[in-house]
Amino acid sequence: MDEIIFTKNEEKSQQMAAYMKNLFPFAGVPAPTRAAMEKELLKASKKLPFADLFELVNVYYEKPEREYQYVAIDLATVNVKRLSFEEVLQFKPLVIEKAWWDSVDAWRKFFALWGASHFEEMPRLFDAFFGEKDFWHRRIAINLQLLYKDRTDTELLKKAIIYDKTTDEFFIQKAIGWSLRQHSKTDPQWVQELITTMELSPLAVREGSKYLPKS
């Protein structure tokens, strides 16, 4: 299995790093180019035993340039449906390593895809992130069901929102608003009632109300 090595594009790397507030170095590889380069690696990874897959994900995640973290998450994601609950949770510590919204939301997709395929385990998966000390983990709890539509467990969503509704953290309040806005496409009445009866931050209300009928 050939290792992916990105050749640095100085101009693009500076642009991409600036977009991410210069928190991480970038190689300057656009997403379509990265997708083409990793295609064979992702295909081959589906034949790896979990231990080897887990090691490979960590090898790429530890590399300095941000694009390698994207490769690592893609490796985990294309294999997610074949993993057990215990195997899936082994990736949880990576969520808060080199954490920013881009990687955290990509990990959220990884966990959400597993939950969608193992729906009976959703409460247990939610509990793995709910109430965690690091707010990035809690962001996943809030947004875990983002694309579940009418399969959304609103009790779990409400529980996550209540826990963090007064948390003074932009990415938490944005997550609350995002989940409410998304669920309002499926059940606007539930979202409207929650916004009306629960004292939420102006940011969460503004984001969550975007698709609600204007009074």
N, C-alpha and C. Protein backbone atom coordinates (compact mmCIF):
# COMPACT_ATOMS: atom_id res chain seq x y z
N MET A 1 0.85 -1.19 0.00
CA MET A 1 0.00 0.00 0.00
C MET A 1 0.89 1.24 0.00
N ASP A 2 0.84 1.99 -1.09
CA ASP A 2 1.72 3.15 -1.22
C ASP A 2 1.28 4.29 -0.30
N GLU A 3 2.26 4.91 0.33
CA GLU A 3 1.99 6.05 1.21
C GLU A 3 1.69 7.30 0.38
N ILE A 4 0.70 8.06 0.81
CA ILE A 4 0.38 9.32 0.15
C ILE A 4 1.32 10.40 0.67
N ILE A 5 1.98 11.08 -0.25
CA ILE A 5 2.86 12.20 0.10
C ILE A 5 2.44 13.41 -0.72
N PHE A 6 2.04 14.45 -0.05
CA PHE A 6 1.59 15.65 -0.73
C PHE A 6 2.77 16.59 -1.00
N THR A 7 2.87 17.04 -2.23
CA THR A 7 3.88 18.03 -2.60
C THR A 7 3.34 19.42 -2.26
N LYS A 8 4.15 20.20 -1.57
CA LYS A 8 3.67 21.49 -1.09
C LYS A 8 3.53 22.51 -2.21
N ASN A 9 2.38 23.16 -2.23
CA ASN A 9 2.13 24.31 -3.10
C ASN A 9 2.15 25.54 -2.20
N GLU A 10 3.21 26.30 -2.26
CA GLU A 10 3.42 27.38 -1.29
C GLU A 10 2.28 28.39 -1.29
N GLU A 11 1.84 28.81 -2.46
CA GLU A 11 0.78 29.83 -2.53
C GLU A 11 -0.53 29.31 -1.96
N LYS A 12 -0.93 28.12 -2.40
CA LYS A 12 -2.19 27.57 -1.92
C LYS A 12 -2.12 27.20 -0.44
N SER A 13 -0.96 26.73 0.00
CA SER A 13 -0.83 26.36 1.41
C SER A 13 -1.04 27.57 2.32
N GLN A 14 -0.53 28.71 1.91
CA GLN A 14 -0.71 29.94 2.69
C GLN A 14 -2.17 30.37 2.70
N GLN A 15 -2.83 30.26 1.55
CA GLN A 15 -4.24 30.62 1.46
C GLN A 15 -5.10 29.71 2.33
N MET A 16 -4.84 28.42 2.28
CA MET A 16 -5.64 27.46 3.05
C MET A 16 -5.38 27.60 4.54
N ALA A 17 -4.13 27.86 4.90
CA ALA A 17 -3.81 28.05 6.32
C ALA A 17 -4.47 29.32 6.85
N ALA A 18 -4.49 30.37 6.06
CA ALA A 18 -5.11 31.63 6.48
C ALA A 18 -6.60 31.43 6.71
N TYR A 19 -7.24 30.64 5.85
CA TYR A 19 -8.69 30.36 6.00
C TYR A 19 -8.97 29.68 7.33
N MET A 20 -8.02 28.87 7.80
CA MET A 20 -8.16 28.19 9.08
C MET A 20 -7.44 28.94 10.20
N LYS A 21 -7.33 30.24 10.04
CA LYS A 21 -6.76 31.12 11.06
C LYS A 21 -5.32 30.74 11.42
N ASN A 22 -4.61 30.14 10.47
CA ASN A 22 -3.21 29.75 10.64
C ASN A 22 -2.99 28.84 11.85
N LEU A 23 -3.99 28.03 12.14
CA LEU A 23 -3.87 27.09 13.26
C LEU A 23 -3.08 25.85 12.87
N PHE A 24 -3.04 25.54 11.57
CA PHE A 24 -2.39 24.33 11.10
C PHE A 24 -1.62 24.62 9.82
N PRO A 25 -0.51 23.93 9.60
CA PRO A 25 0.17 24.04 8.30
C PRO A 25 -0.59 23.23 7.25
N PHE A 26 -0.58 23.69 6.04
CA PHE A 26 -1.21 23.00 4.93
C PHE A 26 -0.18 22.70 3.85
N ALA A 27 -0.42 21.65 3.09
CA ALA A 27 0.41 21.37 1.93
C ALA A 27 -0.05 22.19 0.73
N GLY A 28 -1.32 22.59 0.77
CA GLY A 28 -1.87 23.36 -0.33
C GLY A 28 -2.46 22.48 -1.42
N VAL A 29 -3.04 21.35 -1.02
CA VAL A 29 -3.63 20.40 -1.97
C VAL A 29 -5.15 20.56 -1.96
N PRO A 30 -5.75 20.94 -3.08
CA PRO A 30 -7.21 21.10 -3.14
C PRO A 30 -7.93 19.77 -2.89
N ALA A 31 -9.15 19.86 -2.40
CA ALA A 31 -9.91 18.65 -2.06
C ALA A 31 -10.07 17.68 -3.22
N PRO A 32 -10.38 18.13 -4.45
CA PRO A 32 -10.51 17.16 -5.55
C PRO A 32 -9.21 16.41 -5.84
N THR A 33 -8.09 17.11 -5.75
CA THR A 33 -6.78 16.47 -5.96
C THR A 33 -6.51 15.45 -4.87
N ARG A 34 -6.80 15.83 -3.64
CA ARG A 34 -6.60 14.90 -2.52
C ARG A 34 -7.48 13.65 -2.69
N ALA A 35 -8.72 13.85 -3.10
CA ALA A 35 -9.65 12.73 -3.29
C ALA A 35 -9.12 11.76 -4.34
N ALA A 36 -8.57 12.30 -5.42
CA ALA A 36 -8.02 11.45 -6.47
C ALA A 36 -6.80 10.69 -5.98
N MET A 37 -5.97 11.36 -5.20
CA MET A 37 -4.74 10.73 -4.70
C MET A 37 -5.01 9.63 -3.68
N GLU A 38 -6.08 9.77 -2.92
CA GLU A 38 -6.34 8.81 -1.86
C GLU A 38 -7.27 7.67 -2.29
N LYS A 39 -7.75 7.71 -3.51
CA LYS A 39 -8.75 6.74 -3.96
C LYS A 39 -8.29 5.30 -3.78
N GLU A 40 -7.09 4.97 -4.24
CA GLU A 40 -6.59 3.60 -4.14
C GLU A 40 -6.31 3.20 -2.70
N LEU A 41 -5.82 4.14 -1.92
CA LEU A 41 -5.56 3.87 -0.50
C LEU A 41 -6.85 3.52 0.23
N LEU A 42 -7.89 4.28 -0.03
CA LEU A 42 -9.18 4.02 0.63
C LEU A 42 -9.73 2.65 0.23
N LYS A 43 -9.60 2.32 -1.05
CA LYS A 43 -10.08 1.03 -1.53
C LYS A 43 -9.32 -0.11 -0.86
N ALA A 44 -8.01 0.00 -0.81
CA ALA A 44 -7.19 -1.05 -0.21
C ALA A 44 -7.43 -1.19 1.29
N SER A 45 -7.78 -0.07 1.94
CA SER A 45 -7.96 -0.09 3.40
C SER A 45 -9.13 -0.97 3.83
N LYS A 46 -10.06 -1.22 2.93
CA LYS A 46 -11.25 -2.00 3.28
C LYS A 46 -10.92 -3.46 3.54
N LYS A 47 -9.71 -3.88 3.16
CA LYS A 47 -9.29 -5.26 3.38
C LYS A 47 -8.40 -5.41 4.62
N LEU A 48 -8.11 -4.30 5.26
CA LEU A 48 -7.21 -4.34 6.42
C LEU A 48 -7.93 -4.83 7.67
N PRO A 49 -7.28 -5.60 8.50
CA PRO A 49 -7.81 -5.89 9.84
C PRO A 49 -7.90 -4.57 10.62
N PHE A 50 -8.78 -4.55 11.61
CA PHE A 50 -8.99 -3.28 12.32
C PHE A 50 -7.71 -2.72 12.92
N ALA A 51 -6.89 -3.56 13.51
CA ALA A 51 -5.66 -3.08 14.16
C ALA A 51 -4.77 -2.34 13.16
N ASP A 52 -4.68 -2.86 11.95
CA ASP A 52 -3.86 -2.21 10.93
C ASP A 52 -4.50 -0.93 10.44
N LEU A 53 -5.81 -0.96 10.29
CA LEU A 53 -6.53 0.26 9.89
C LEU A 53 -6.36 1.35 10.93
N PHE A 54 -6.51 1.00 12.19
CA PHE A 54 -6.40 1.97 13.27
C PHE A 54 -4.99 2.58 13.30
N GLU A 55 -3.99 1.74 13.11
CA GLU A 55 -2.61 2.23 13.08
C GLU A 55 -2.40 3.18 11.90
N LEU A 56 -2.94 2.82 10.74
CA LEU A 56 -2.79 3.64 9.55
C LEU A 56 -3.45 5.00 9.73
N VAL A 57 -4.65 5.02 10.29
CA VAL A 57 -5.34 6.28 10.56
C VAL A 57 -4.48 7.17 11.46
N ASN A 58 -3.92 6.58 12.49
CA ASN A 58 -3.10 7.36 13.42
C ASN A 58 -1.81 7.87 12.77
N VAL A 59 -1.22 7.07 11.89
CA VAL A 59 -0.01 7.50 11.19
C VAL A 59 -0.28 8.76 10.38
N TYR A 60 -1.38 8.77 9.64
CA TYR A 60 -1.71 9.96 8.84
C TYR A 60 -2.14 11.13 9.73
N TYR A 61 -2.83 10.82 10.81
CA TYR A 61 -3.31 11.90 11.68
C TYR A 61 -2.17 12.65 12.35
N GLU A 62 -1.08 11.96 12.58
CA GLU A 62 0.06 12.57 13.27
C GLU A 62 0.92 13.43 12.36
N LYS A 63 0.76 13.31 11.06
CA LYS A 63 1.55 14.13 10.14
C LYS A 63 1.16 15.60 10.28
N PRO A 64 2.09 16.52 10.07
CA PRO A 64 1.82 17.93 10.38
C PRO A 64 0.81 18.63 9.47
N GLU A 65 0.87 18.38 8.18
CA GLU A 65 -0.01 19.13 7.27
C GLU A 65 -1.46 18.69 7.43
N ARG A 66 -2.35 19.65 7.35
CA ARG A 66 -3.76 19.41 7.64
C ARG A 66 -4.39 18.39 6.70
N GLU A 67 -3.97 18.38 5.47
CA GLU A 67 -4.57 17.44 4.51
C GLU A 67 -4.43 15.98 4.95
N TYR A 68 -3.37 15.69 5.71
CA TYR A 68 -3.19 14.31 6.17
C TYR A 68 -4.24 13.93 7.22
N GLN A 69 -4.68 14.89 8.02
CA GLN A 69 -5.77 14.59 8.94
C GLN A 69 -7.05 14.27 8.17
N TYR A 70 -7.26 14.97 7.06
CA TYR A 70 -8.43 14.67 6.23
C TYR A 70 -8.34 13.25 5.65
N VAL A 71 -7.16 12.86 5.22
CA VAL A 71 -6.96 11.49 4.72
C VAL A 71 -7.27 10.48 5.82
N ALA A 72 -6.78 10.74 7.01
CA ALA A 72 -7.00 9.83 8.14
C ALA A 72 -8.49 9.65 8.42
N ILE A 73 -9.22 10.76 8.44
CA ILE A 73 -10.66 10.68 8.71
C ILE A 73 -11.38 9.97 7.58
N ASP A 74 -10.96 10.22 6.34
CA ASP A 74 -11.55 9.51 5.20
C ASP A 74 -11.32 8.01 5.31
N LEU A 75 -10.14 7.61 5.76
CA LEU A 75 -9.83 6.19 5.95
C LEU A 75 -10.79 5.57 6.97
N ALA A 76 -10.98 6.25 8.06
CA ALA A 76 -11.90 5.75 9.08
C ALA A 76 -13.33 5.69 8.54
N THR A 77 -13.73 6.73 7.82
CA THR A 77 -15.12 6.84 7.37
C THR A 77 -15.50 5.79 6.34
N VAL A 78 -14.62 5.49 5.39
CA VAL A 78 -14.98 4.50 4.38
C VAL A 78 -15.07 3.09 4.97
N ASN A 79 -14.55 2.91 6.16
CA ASN A 79 -14.60 1.61 6.82
C ASN A 79 -15.60 1.54 7.97
N VAL A 80 -16.29 2.61 8.24
CA VAL A 80 -17.03 2.73 9.49
C VAL A 80 -18.13 1.68 9.64
N LYS A 81 -18.80 1.33 8.57
CA LYS A 81 -19.96 0.43 8.70
C LYS A 81 -19.57 -0.99 9.10
N ARG A 82 -18.31 -1.35 8.91
CA ARG A 82 -17.87 -2.71 9.27
C ARG A 82 -17.31 -2.78 10.68
N LEU A 83 -17.27 -1.65 11.38
CA LEU A 83 -16.66 -1.61 12.70
C LEU A 83 -17.67 -1.90 13.81
N SER A 84 -17.17 -2.43 14.89
CA SER A 84 -18.00 -2.64 16.08
C SER A 84 -18.08 -1.35 16.89
N PHE A 85 -18.98 -1.32 17.84
CA PHE A 85 -19.11 -0.15 18.71
C PHE A 85 -17.79 0.15 19.42
N GLU A 86 -17.16 -0.89 19.93
CA GLU A 86 -15.91 -0.71 20.66
C GLU A 86 -14.80 -0.19 19.74
N GLU A 87 -14.79 -0.67 18.50
CA GLU A 87 -13.78 -0.21 17.55
C GLU A 87 -14.03 1.25 17.16
N VAL A 88 -15.26 1.59 16.94
CA VAL A 88 -15.61 2.98 16.59
C VAL A 88 -15.14 3.94 17.67
N LEU A 89 -15.36 3.57 18.92
CA LEU A 89 -15.01 4.47 20.02
C LEU A 89 -13.50 4.63 20.20
N GLN A 90 -12.71 3.74 19.62
CA GLN A 90 -11.27 3.91 19.71
C GLN A 90 -10.79 5.16 18.97
N PHE A 91 -11.62 5.67 18.06
CA PHE A 91 -11.27 6.88 17.33
C PHE A 91 -11.67 8.16 18.08
N LYS A 92 -12.42 8.01 19.15
CA LYS A 92 -12.92 9.18 19.88
C LYS A 92 -11.81 10.13 20.34
N PRO A 93 -10.67 9.64 20.87
CA PRO A 93 -9.62 10.58 21.30
C PRO A 93 -9.08 11.46 20.19
N LEU A 94 -9.16 11.00 18.94
CA LEU A 94 -8.65 11.81 17.83
C LEU A 94 -9.50 13.06 17.58
N VAL A 95 -10.75 13.02 18.02
CA VAL A 95 -11.64 14.18 17.83
C VAL A 95 -11.03 15.44 18.44
N ILE A 96 -10.42 15.30 19.58
CA ILE A 96 -9.89 16.48 20.28
C ILE A 96 -8.40 16.68 20.06
N GLU A 97 -7.81 15.91 19.15
CA GLU A 97 -6.43 16.16 18.73
C GLU A 97 -6.46 17.04 17.48
N LYS A 98 -5.67 18.09 17.49
CA LYS A 98 -5.64 19.03 16.36
C LYS A 98 -7.05 19.46 16.00
N ALA A 99 -7.85 19.74 17.01
CA ALA A 99 -9.29 19.95 16.82
C ALA A 99 -9.61 21.36 16.31
N TRP A 100 -10.42 21.40 15.32
CA TRP A 100 -11.07 22.62 14.83
C TRP A 100 -12.34 22.19 14.14
N TRP A 101 -13.18 23.12 13.74
CA TRP A 101 -14.49 22.74 13.24
C TRP A 101 -14.42 21.79 12.05
N ASP A 102 -13.40 21.94 11.20
CA ASP A 102 -13.34 21.10 10.00
C ASP A 102 -13.14 19.63 10.33
N SER A 103 -12.18 19.34 11.21
CA SER A 103 -11.93 17.95 11.59
C SER A 103 -13.04 17.40 12.48
N VAL A 104 -13.51 18.20 13.42
CA VAL A 104 -14.55 17.73 14.35
C VAL A 104 -15.83 17.39 13.60
N ASP A 105 -16.21 18.23 12.65
CA ASP A 105 -17.43 17.95 11.89
C ASP A 105 -17.26 16.75 10.96
N ALA A 106 -16.04 16.52 10.49
CA ALA A 106 -15.77 15.32 9.70
C ALA A 106 -15.85 14.07 10.57
N TRP A 107 -15.34 14.15 11.79
CA TRP A 107 -15.48 13.03 12.72
C TRP A 107 -16.94 12.82 13.10
N ARG A 108 -17.67 13.90 13.23
CA ARG A 108 -19.11 13.77 13.53
C ARG A 108 -19.80 12.94 12.44
N LYS A 109 -19.45 13.18 11.19
CA LYS A 109 -20.02 12.40 10.09
C LYS A 109 -19.66 10.92 10.25
N PHE A 110 -18.42 10.64 10.63
CA PHE A 110 -17.98 9.26 10.86
C PHE A 110 -18.86 8.56 11.89
N PHE A 111 -19.03 9.20 13.04
CA PHE A 111 -19.84 8.59 14.11
C PHE A 111 -21.31 8.52 13.72
N ALA A 112 -21.80 9.54 13.05
CA ALA A 112 -23.22 9.56 12.64
C ALA A 112 -23.53 8.46 11.63
N LEU A 113 -22.60 8.21 10.71
CA LEU A 113 -22.81 7.14 9.74
C LEU A 113 -22.88 5.79 10.44
N TRP A 114 -22.03 5.59 11.43
CA TRP A 114 -22.09 4.33 12.18
C TRP A 114 -23.43 4.23 12.91
N GLY A 115 -23.85 5.32 13.54
CA GLY A 115 -25.12 5.31 14.26
C GLY A 115 -26.30 5.02 13.35
N ALA A 116 -26.27 5.56 12.14
CA ALA A 116 -27.36 5.34 11.19
C ALA A 116 -27.45 3.88 10.77
N SER A 117 -26.33 3.17 10.80
CA SER A 117 -26.31 1.76 10.42
C SER A 117 -26.52 0.83 11.60
N HIS A 118 -26.45 1.37 12.80
CA HIS A 118 -26.62 0.58 14.03
C HIS A 118 -27.56 1.37 14.96
N PHE A 119 -28.77 1.56 14.46
CA PHE A 119 -29.65 2.52 15.12
C PHE A 119 -30.01 2.14 16.56
N GLU A 120 -30.01 0.85 16.83
CA GLU A 120 -30.34 0.41 18.19
C GLU A 120 -29.26 0.83 19.19
N GLU A 121 -28.08 1.19 18.67
CA GLU A 121 -26.98 1.60 19.54
C GLU A 121 -26.88 3.12 19.70
N MET A 122 -27.79 3.85 19.07
CA MET A 122 -27.70 5.30 19.09
C MET A 122 -27.62 5.89 20.50
N PRO A 123 -28.47 5.47 21.45
CA PRO A 123 -28.36 6.04 22.80
C PRO A 123 -26.99 5.84 23.42
N ARG A 124 -26.41 4.67 23.20
CA ARG A 124 -25.08 4.39 23.75
C ARG A 124 -24.02 5.23 23.06
N LEU A 125 -24.16 5.42 21.75
CA LEU A 125 -23.22 6.26 21.02
C LEU A 125 -23.33 7.71 21.48
N PHE A 126 -24.54 8.20 21.64
CA PHE A 126 -24.76 9.55 22.14
C PHE A 126 -24.12 9.74 23.51
N ASP A 127 -24.32 8.75 24.39
CA ASP A 127 -23.78 8.85 25.75
C ASP A 127 -22.25 8.92 25.78
N ALA A 128 -21.61 8.43 24.71
CA ALA A 128 -20.15 8.47 24.65
C ALA A 128 -19.64 9.90 24.51
N PHE A 129 -20.49 10.81 24.04
CA PHE A 129 -20.08 12.20 23.83
C PHE A 129 -20.81 13.19 24.73
N PHE A 130 -22.00 12.83 25.18
CA PHE A 130 -22.79 13.73 26.01
C PHE A 130 -22.09 14.01 27.35
N GLY A 131 -22.04 15.29 27.71
CA GLY A 131 -21.51 15.68 29.01
C GLY A 131 -20.00 15.57 29.15
N GLU A 132 -19.30 15.31 28.05
CA GLU A 132 -17.85 15.20 28.11
C GLU A 132 -17.21 16.55 28.45
N LYS A 133 -16.03 16.50 29.04
CA LYS A 133 -15.34 17.72 29.47
C LYS A 133 -15.00 18.62 28.30
N ASP A 134 -14.50 18.03 27.20
CA ASP A 134 -14.08 18.83 26.05
C ASP A 134 -15.30 19.21 25.21
N PHE A 135 -15.43 20.49 24.91
CA PHE A 135 -16.63 20.95 24.21
C PHE A 135 -16.71 20.41 22.78
N TRP A 136 -15.58 20.03 22.19
CA TRP A 136 -15.63 19.45 20.84
C TRP A 136 -16.36 18.11 20.86
N HIS A 137 -16.15 17.33 21.89
CA HIS A 137 -16.91 16.09 22.04
C HIS A 137 -18.39 16.40 22.19
N ARG A 138 -18.71 17.41 22.96
CA ARG A 138 -20.12 17.74 23.17
C ARG A 138 -20.75 18.30 21.90
N ARG A 139 -19.96 18.96 21.07
CA ARG A 139 -20.48 19.42 19.78
C ARG A 139 -20.96 18.23 18.95
N ILE A 140 -20.21 17.13 19.02
CA ILE A 140 -20.64 15.93 18.31
C ILE A 140 -21.95 15.40 18.90
N ALA A 141 -22.10 15.41 20.21
CA ALA A 141 -23.36 14.96 20.82
C ALA A 141 -24.53 15.79 20.30
N ILE A 142 -24.33 17.09 20.18
CA ILE A 142 -25.40 17.98 19.72
C ILE A 142 -25.73 17.73 18.25
N ASN A 143 -24.71 17.53 17.44
CA ASN A 143 -24.90 17.43 15.99
C ASN A 143 -24.90 15.99 15.47
N LEU A 144 -24.88 15.02 16.36
CA LEU A 144 -24.77 13.62 15.96
C LEU A 144 -25.89 13.19 15.02
N GLN A 145 -27.10 13.74 15.23
CA GLN A 145 -28.26 13.31 14.45
C GLN A 145 -28.62 14.31 13.34
N LEU A 146 -27.66 15.09 12.95
CA LEU A 146 -27.91 16.21 12.05
C LEU A 146 -28.66 15.82 10.78
N LEU A 147 -28.37 14.66 10.23
CA LEU A 147 -28.97 14.25 8.96
C LEU A 147 -29.95 13.09 9.13
N TYR A 148 -30.46 12.89 10.33
CA TYR A 148 -31.34 11.75 10.59
C TYR A 148 -32.81 12.02 10.25
N LYS A 149 -33.16 13.28 10.05
CA LYS A 149 -34.52 13.66 9.66
C LYS A 149 -35.56 13.08 10.63
N ASP A 150 -36.52 12.30 10.11
CA ASP A 150 -37.60 11.81 10.97
C ASP A 150 -37.15 10.66 11.88
N ARG A 151 -35.90 10.24 11.75
CA ARG A 151 -35.36 9.22 12.68
C ARG A 151 -34.69 9.87 13.89
N THR A 152 -34.68 11.18 13.93
CA THR A 152 -34.04 11.89 15.03
C THR A 152 -34.70 11.56 16.36
N ASP A 153 -33.91 11.19 17.33
CA ASP A 153 -34.40 11.00 18.70
C ASP A 153 -34.39 12.37 19.36
N THR A 154 -35.55 13.03 19.39
CA THR A 154 -35.61 14.40 19.88
C THR A 154 -35.34 14.51 21.38
N GLU A 155 -35.53 13.43 22.10
CA GLU A 155 -35.21 13.46 23.53
C GLU A 155 -33.70 13.58 23.73
N LEU A 156 -32.94 12.86 22.93
CA LEU A 156 -31.49 12.96 23.01
C LEU A 156 -31.03 14.35 22.56
N LEU A 157 -31.60 14.85 21.48
CA LEU A 157 -31.23 16.18 20.99
C LEU A 157 -31.55 17.24 22.04
N LYS A 158 -32.72 17.15 22.63
CA LYS A 158 -33.11 18.12 23.66
C LYS A 158 -32.19 18.04 24.87
N LYS A 159 -31.82 16.83 25.24
CA LYS A 159 -30.92 16.63 26.38
C LYS A 159 -29.58 17.31 26.13
N ALA A 160 -29.05 17.15 24.93
CA ALA A 160 -27.77 17.77 24.59
C ALA A 160 -27.87 19.29 24.59
N ILE A 161 -28.97 19.81 24.09
CA ILE A 161 -29.17 21.26 24.04
C ILE A 161 -29.30 21.84 25.44
N ILE A 162 -30.07 21.19 26.30
CA ILE A 162 -30.25 21.67 27.67
C ILE A 162 -28.91 21.72 28.40
N TYR A 163 -28.10 20.69 28.20
CA TYR A 163 -26.82 20.62 28.90
C TYR A 163 -25.93 21.81 28.56
N ASP A 164 -25.97 22.25 27.31
CA ASP A 164 -25.02 23.27 26.85
C ASP A 164 -25.68 24.61 26.49
N LYS A 165 -26.94 24.80 26.85
CA LYS A 165 -27.62 26.00 26.35
C LYS A 165 -27.03 27.30 26.90
N THR A 166 -26.34 27.24 28.03
CA THR A 166 -25.72 28.45 28.58
C THR A 166 -24.20 28.45 28.43
N THR A 167 -23.67 27.48 27.72
CA THR A 167 -22.22 27.40 27.52
C THR A 167 -21.74 28.56 26.65
N ASP A 168 -20.79 29.30 27.15
CA ASP A 168 -20.29 30.47 26.43
C ASP A 168 -19.17 30.04 25.48
N GLU A 169 -19.56 29.37 24.43
CA GLU A 169 -18.61 28.89 23.42
C GLU A 169 -19.30 28.96 22.06
N PHE A 170 -18.71 29.73 21.16
CA PHE A 170 -19.32 29.96 19.85
C PHE A 170 -19.66 28.65 19.15
N PHE A 171 -18.73 27.68 19.15
CA PHE A 171 -18.95 26.47 18.38
C PHE A 171 -20.02 25.56 18.99
N ILE A 172 -20.28 25.74 20.27
CA ILE A 172 -21.40 25.03 20.90
C ILE A 172 -22.73 25.68 20.53
N GLN A 173 -22.79 27.00 20.66
CA GLN A 173 -24.04 27.69 20.33
C GLN A 173 -24.37 27.56 18.84
N LYS A 174 -23.34 27.59 18.02
CA LYS A 174 -23.54 27.39 16.58
C LYS A 174 -24.07 25.98 16.32
N ALA A 175 -23.56 25.00 17.06
CA ALA A 175 -24.01 23.61 16.89
C ALA A 175 -25.47 23.47 17.28
N ILE A 176 -25.87 24.10 18.37
CA ILE A 176 -27.28 24.05 18.79
C ILE A 176 -28.17 24.63 17.69
N GLY A 177 -27.80 25.80 17.20
CA GLY A 177 -28.57 26.42 16.13
C GLY A 177 -28.62 25.57 14.88
N TRP A 178 -27.49 24.95 14.56
CA TRP A 178 -27.39 24.12 13.35
C TRP A 178 -28.34 22.92 13.45
N SER A 179 -28.33 22.24 14.60
CA SER A 179 -29.20 21.08 14.77
C SER A 179 -30.68 21.48 14.74
N LEU A 180 -31.00 22.58 15.37
CA LEU A 180 -32.39 23.04 15.35
C LEU A 180 -32.81 23.43 13.94
N ARG A 181 -31.96 24.14 13.24
CA ARG A 181 -32.28 24.55 11.87
C ARG A 181 -32.49 23.32 10.98
N GLN A 182 -31.62 22.34 11.13
CA GLN A 182 -31.73 21.15 10.31
C GLN A 182 -33.01 20.38 10.63
N HIS A 183 -33.31 20.23 11.93
CA HIS A 183 -34.50 19.46 12.31
C HIS A 183 -35.78 20.22 11.98
N SER A 184 -35.71 21.53 11.87
CA SER A 184 -36.91 22.30 11.53
C SER A 184 -37.42 21.96 10.13
N LYS A 185 -36.56 21.40 9.29
CA LYS A 185 -37.00 20.97 7.96
C LYS A 185 -37.91 19.75 8.05
N THR A 186 -37.77 18.99 9.15
CA THR A 186 -38.57 17.78 9.37
C THR A 186 -39.74 18.04 10.30
N ASP A 187 -39.48 18.76 11.39
CA ASP A 187 -40.52 19.00 12.40
C ASP A 187 -40.44 20.44 12.91
N PRO A 188 -40.92 21.39 12.12
CA PRO A 188 -40.81 22.79 12.53
C PRO A 188 -41.57 23.11 13.82
N GLN A 189 -42.65 22.40 14.06
CA GLN A 189 -43.43 22.65 15.27
C GLN A 189 -42.62 22.32 16.53
N TRP A 190 -41.91 21.20 16.49
CA TRP A 190 -41.09 20.81 17.64
C TRP A 190 -40.01 21.85 17.90
N VAL A 191 -39.37 22.30 16.84
CA VAL A 191 -38.29 23.29 16.98
C VAL A 191 -38.86 24.62 17.47
N GLN A 192 -39.98 25.02 16.93
CA GLN A 192 -40.59 26.28 17.35
C GLN A 192 -40.95 26.24 18.82
N GLU A 193 -41.51 25.13 19.25
CA GLU A 193 -41.89 25.01 20.67
C GLU A 193 -40.68 25.03 21.57
N LEU A 194 -39.61 24.37 21.16
CA LEU A 194 -38.41 24.35 21.99
C LEU A 194 -37.80 25.75 22.09
N ILE A 195 -37.74 26.45 20.97
CA ILE A 195 -37.19 27.80 20.98
C ILE A 195 -38.04 28.74 21.83
N THR A 196 -39.35 28.54 21.79
CA THR A 196 -40.28 29.41 22.54
C THR A 196 -40.21 29.16 24.03
N THR A 197 -40.03 27.90 24.41
CA THR A 197 -40.10 27.55 25.84
C THR A 197 -38.75 27.47 26.53
N MET A 198 -37.69 27.39 25.76
CA MET A 198 -36.37 27.26 26.36
C MET A 198 -35.56 28.54 26.12
N GLU A 199 -34.89 29.01 27.15
CA GLU A 199 -34.11 30.23 27.02
C GLU A 199 -32.77 29.91 26.36
N LEU A 200 -32.71 30.14 25.06
CA LEU A 200 -31.50 29.86 24.30
C LEU A 200 -30.75 31.14 23.97
N SER A 201 -29.51 30.98 23.57
CA SER A 201 -28.70 32.14 23.22
C SER A 201 -29.24 32.78 21.94
N PRO A 202 -29.01 34.07 21.76
CA PRO A 202 -29.44 34.73 20.52
C PRO A 202 -28.88 34.04 19.27
N LEU A 203 -27.63 33.57 19.34
CA LEU A 203 -27.03 32.89 18.19
C LEU A 203 -27.78 31.60 17.88
N ALA A 204 -28.07 30.79 18.90
CA ALA A 204 -28.78 29.53 18.68
C ALA A 204 -30.18 29.78 18.13
N VAL A 205 -30.85 30.80 18.66
CA VAL A 205 -32.20 31.13 18.18
C VAL A 205 -32.16 31.61 16.74
N ARG A 206 -31.23 32.49 16.45
CA ARG A 206 -31.12 33.02 15.09
C ARG A 206 -30.84 31.92 14.08
N GLU A 207 -29.90 31.04 14.40
CA GLU A 207 -29.57 29.95 13.49
C GLU A 207 -30.72 28.94 13.41
N GLY A 208 -31.29 28.61 14.56
CA GLY A 208 -32.35 27.60 14.58
C GLY A 208 -33.65 28.03 13.96
N SER A 209 -33.89 29.33 13.87
CA SER A 209 -35.15 29.86 13.35
C SER A 209 -35.14 30.13 11.86
N LYS A 210 -34.03 29.91 11.23
CA LYS A 210 -33.85 30.34 9.83
C LYS A 210 -34.97 29.86 8.91
N TYR A 211 -35.42 28.61 9.07
CA TYR A 211 -36.42 28.05 8.17
C TYR A 211 -37.82 28.01 8.77
N LEU A 212 -37.98 28.56 9.96
CA LEU A 212 -39.29 28.58 10.60
C LEU A 212 -40.17 29.67 9.98
N PRO A 213 -41.48 29.46 9.94
CA PRO A 213 -42.38 30.51 9.42
C PRO A 213 -42.24 31.78 10.24
N LYS A 214 -42.22 32.90 9.56
CA LYS A 214 -42.12 34.17 10.25
C LYS A 214 -43.49 34.58 10.78
N SER A 215 -43.52 35.00 12.04
CA SER A 215 -44.80 35.39 12.65
C SER A 215 -45.13 36.83 12.30
